């Protein structure tokens, strides 16, 4: 994840990283996180002023709004325990 974190420091917007055995399914303007292994999750990274934010997105069966995924003004997942 550290290489991904370094990349996200240089670009605008939200980046989604995926653990092994995890996927993001997009349908129209919605998404869901799915995983075949219990501990596989997605990671949402974005810059907040000068700080890299990293949230863990756990798998979920329901489809959610892509607009929410891109909205950096509201927390969406669990804050990651350590910075990248």
Protein backbone atom coordinates (compact mmCIF):
# COMPACT_ATOMS: atom_id res chain seq x y z
CA UNK A 1 0.00 0.00 0.00
CA UNK A 2 2.90 2.42 0.53
CA UNK A 3 3.52 2.79 -3.22
CA UNK A 4 -0.17 3.49 -3.73
CA UNK A 5 -0.07 6.06 -0.92
CA UNK A 6 2.90 7.79 -2.53
CA UNK A 7 1.07 7.90 -5.86
CA UNK A 8 -2.07 9.37 -4.26
CA UNK A 9 0.00 12.17 -2.73
CA UNK A 10 0.67 13.38 -6.27
CA UNK A 11 -2.83 13.20 -7.80
CA UNK A 12 -6.19 14.76 -7.08
CA UNK A 13 -9.29 12.82 -6.19
CA UNK A 14 -9.96 9.48 -4.58
CA UNK A 15 -8.05 6.27 -5.19
CA UNK A 16 -9.33 2.81 -4.35
CA UNK A 17 -6.85 0.05 -3.59
CA UNK A 18 -7.90 -3.56 -3.21
CA UNK A 19 -6.42 -6.38 -1.16
CA UNK A 20 -5.93 -9.75 -2.80
CA UNK A 21 -9.26 -11.59 -3.09
CA UNK A 22 -11.22 -8.31 -3.05
CA UNK A 23 -13.03 -6.52 -5.88
CA UNK A 24 -15.17 -3.48 -6.53
CA UNK A 25 -18.29 -4.08 -8.60
CA UNK A 26 -19.72 -1.04 -10.38
CA UNK A 27 -23.26 -0.96 -11.75
CA UNK A 28 -24.41 2.32 -13.29
CA UNK A 29 -23.82 4.95 -10.59
CA UNK A 30 -23.45 2.49 -7.70
CA UNK A 31 -20.75 0.18 -6.35
CA UNK A 32 -20.19 -2.55 -3.82
CA UNK A 33 -17.10 -4.14 -2.31
CA UNK A 34 -16.95 -7.93 -2.48
CA UNK A 35 -14.35 -10.36 -1.17
CA UNK A 36 -13.74 -14.09 -1.20
CA UNK A 37 -11.50 -14.00 1.88
CA UNK A 38 -12.70 -12.82 5.28
CA UNK A 39 -9.95 -10.23 5.88
CA UNK A 40 -9.80 -8.78 2.36
CA UNK A 41 -10.87 -5.13 2.18
CA UNK A 42 -10.70 -2.08 -0.04
CA UNK A 43 -8.74 1.06 0.81
CA UNK A 44 -9.93 4.60 0.01
CA UNK A 45 -7.10 7.13 -0.17
CA UNK A 46 -7.22 10.85 -0.81
CA UNK A 47 -5.41 14.03 0.13
CA UNK A 48 -7.00 16.30 2.74
CA UNK A 49 -5.02 19.52 2.46
CA UNK A 50 -1.46 18.27 3.17
CA UNK A 51 -2.43 14.98 4.82
CA UNK A 52 -3.03 11.64 3.14
CA UNK A 53 -6.27 10.09 4.42
CA UNK A 54 -6.66 6.31 4.38
CA UNK A 55 -9.97 4.60 5.12
CA UNK A 56 -10.72 0.89 5.14
CA UNK A 57 -13.87 -0.10 3.24
CA UNK A 58 -15.17 -3.46 4.37
CA UNK A 59 -17.07 -5.71 1.95
CA UNK A 60 -20.82 -5.12 1.73
CA UNK A 61 -23.61 -6.74 -0.25
CA UNK A 62 -25.67 -3.64 -0.92
CA UNK A 63 -24.91 -1.24 -3.77
CA UNK A 64 -23.99 2.28 -2.67
CA UNK A 65 -23.64 5.61 -4.43
CA UNK A 66 -20.45 6.24 -6.41
CA UNK A 67 -20.90 9.92 -5.60
CA UNK A 68 -20.42 9.07 -1.90
CA UNK A 69 -17.27 7.14 -2.74
CA UNK A 70 -15.82 10.23 -4.45
CA UNK A 71 -16.95 12.68 -1.74
CA UNK A 72 -13.92 13.42 0.43
CA UNK A 73 -15.83 15.74 2.77
CA UNK A 74 -17.52 12.86 4.59
CA UNK A 75 -15.92 9.78 6.16
CA UNK A 76 -17.00 6.60 4.43
CA UNK A 77 -14.97 3.84 6.01
CA UNK A 78 -12.96 2.98 9.08
CA UNK A 79 -9.83 5.14 9.53
CA UNK A 80 -6.77 3.01 8.87
CA UNK A 81 -4.76 2.22 12.02
CA UNK A 82 -1.45 3.54 10.68
CA UNK A 83 -0.41 6.06 8.02
CA UNK A 84 1.08 4.96 4.73
